[in-house]
Amino acid sequence: MRIGSALLVIWLIIGAIAGGQRSYYNGSSTNCAKLGTIAVTILAGPLNYTGVNPKISCTLPKPSS
């Protein structure tokens, strides 16, 4: 179980580094799309370095008349 926990922590650290390299932590404007993209990038971990570039867009439904 310790090996699995260590691998999970390393996976998330690599994902956090990828987010930093893409400058996702810069800037003061935060919205759901930016937070979602950061979260998915961290969760994708090392896959970011194989070409995975996750992006999240938050579109609100238009109110019906």
Protein backbone atom coordinates (compact mmCIF):
# COMPACT_ATOMS: atom_id res chain seq x y z
CA MET A 1 0.00 0.00 0.00
CA ARG A 2 2.91 2.37 0.65
CA ILE A 3 4.16 2.02 -2.91
CA GLY A 4 0.73 2.89 -4.29
CA SER A 5 0.47 5.96 -2.05
CA ALA A 6 3.96 7.09 -3.05
CA LEU A 7 3.14 6.66 -6.75
CA LEU A 8 -0.07 8.67 -6.32
CA VAL A 9 1.77 11.53 -4.63
CA ILE A 10 4.48 11.53 -7.31
CA TRP A 11 1.78 11.45 -10.04
CA LEU A 12 0.04 14.51 -8.54
CA ILE A 13 3.31 16.39 -8.05
CA ILE A 14 4.19 15.86 -11.71
CA GLY A 15 0.75 17.16 -12.66
CA ALA A 16 1.22 20.24 -10.47
CA ILE A 17 4.59 20.89 -12.13
CA ALA A 18 2.94 20.64 -15.56
CA GLY A 19 0.35 23.22 -14.49
CA GLY A 20 3.11 25.54 -13.37
CA GLN A 21 4.97 25.15 -16.65
CA ARG A 22 1.81 26.13 -18.50
CA SER A 23 1.43 29.23 -16.27
CA TYR A 24 -1.97 28.14 -14.99
CA TYR A 25 -1.22 29.53 -11.52
CA ASN A 26 -0.46 33.07 -12.74
CA GLY A 27 -3.00 35.85 -12.79
CA SER A 28 -5.69 36.94 -10.42
CA SER A 29 -8.76 36.19 -12.52
CA THR A 30 -10.22 32.85 -11.55
CA ASN A 31 -13.28 31.24 -13.04
CA CYS A 32 -14.66 27.74 -13.21
CA ALA A 33 -12.91 27.03 -16.53
CA LYS A 34 -9.50 27.96 -15.14
CA LEU A 35 -10.00 25.98 -11.94
CA GLY A 36 -11.27 22.99 -13.91
CA THR A 37 -8.32 23.09 -16.28
CA ILE A 38 -5.88 23.24 -13.36
CA ALA A 39 -7.58 20.30 -11.63
CA VAL A 40 -7.65 18.14 -14.75
CA THR A 41 -4.02 18.98 -15.55
CA ILE A 42 -2.95 17.91 -12.07
CA LEU A 43 -5.01 14.72 -12.27
CA ALA A 44 -3.61 13.89 -15.71
CA GLY A 45 -0.13 13.97 -14.14
CA PRO A 46 2.60 12.52 -16.36
CA LEU A 47 0.19 12.16 -19.28
CA ASN A 48 0.65 15.91 -19.79
CA TYR A 49 4.13 15.18 -21.11
CA THR A 50 2.83 12.70 -23.69
CA GLY A 51 0.75 15.36 -25.42
CA VAL A 52 -2.40 15.37 -23.31
CA ASN A 53 -3.51 19.00 -22.92
CA PRO A 54 -6.75 18.95 -20.95
CA LYS A 55 -8.94 22.04 -21.09
CA ILE A 56 -12.26 22.67 -19.39
CA SER A 57 -14.83 25.17 -20.56
CA CYS A 58 -17.72 26.27 -18.42
CA THR A 59 -20.72 27.44 -20.36
CA LEU A 60 -23.85 28.34 -18.56
CA PRO A 61 -27.17 27.34 -20.09
CA LYS A 62 -29.17 30.17 -21.54
CA PRO A 63 -32.30 30.95 -19.56
CA SER A 64 -35.44 29.84 -21.30
CA SER A 65 -38.06 32.47 -21.99
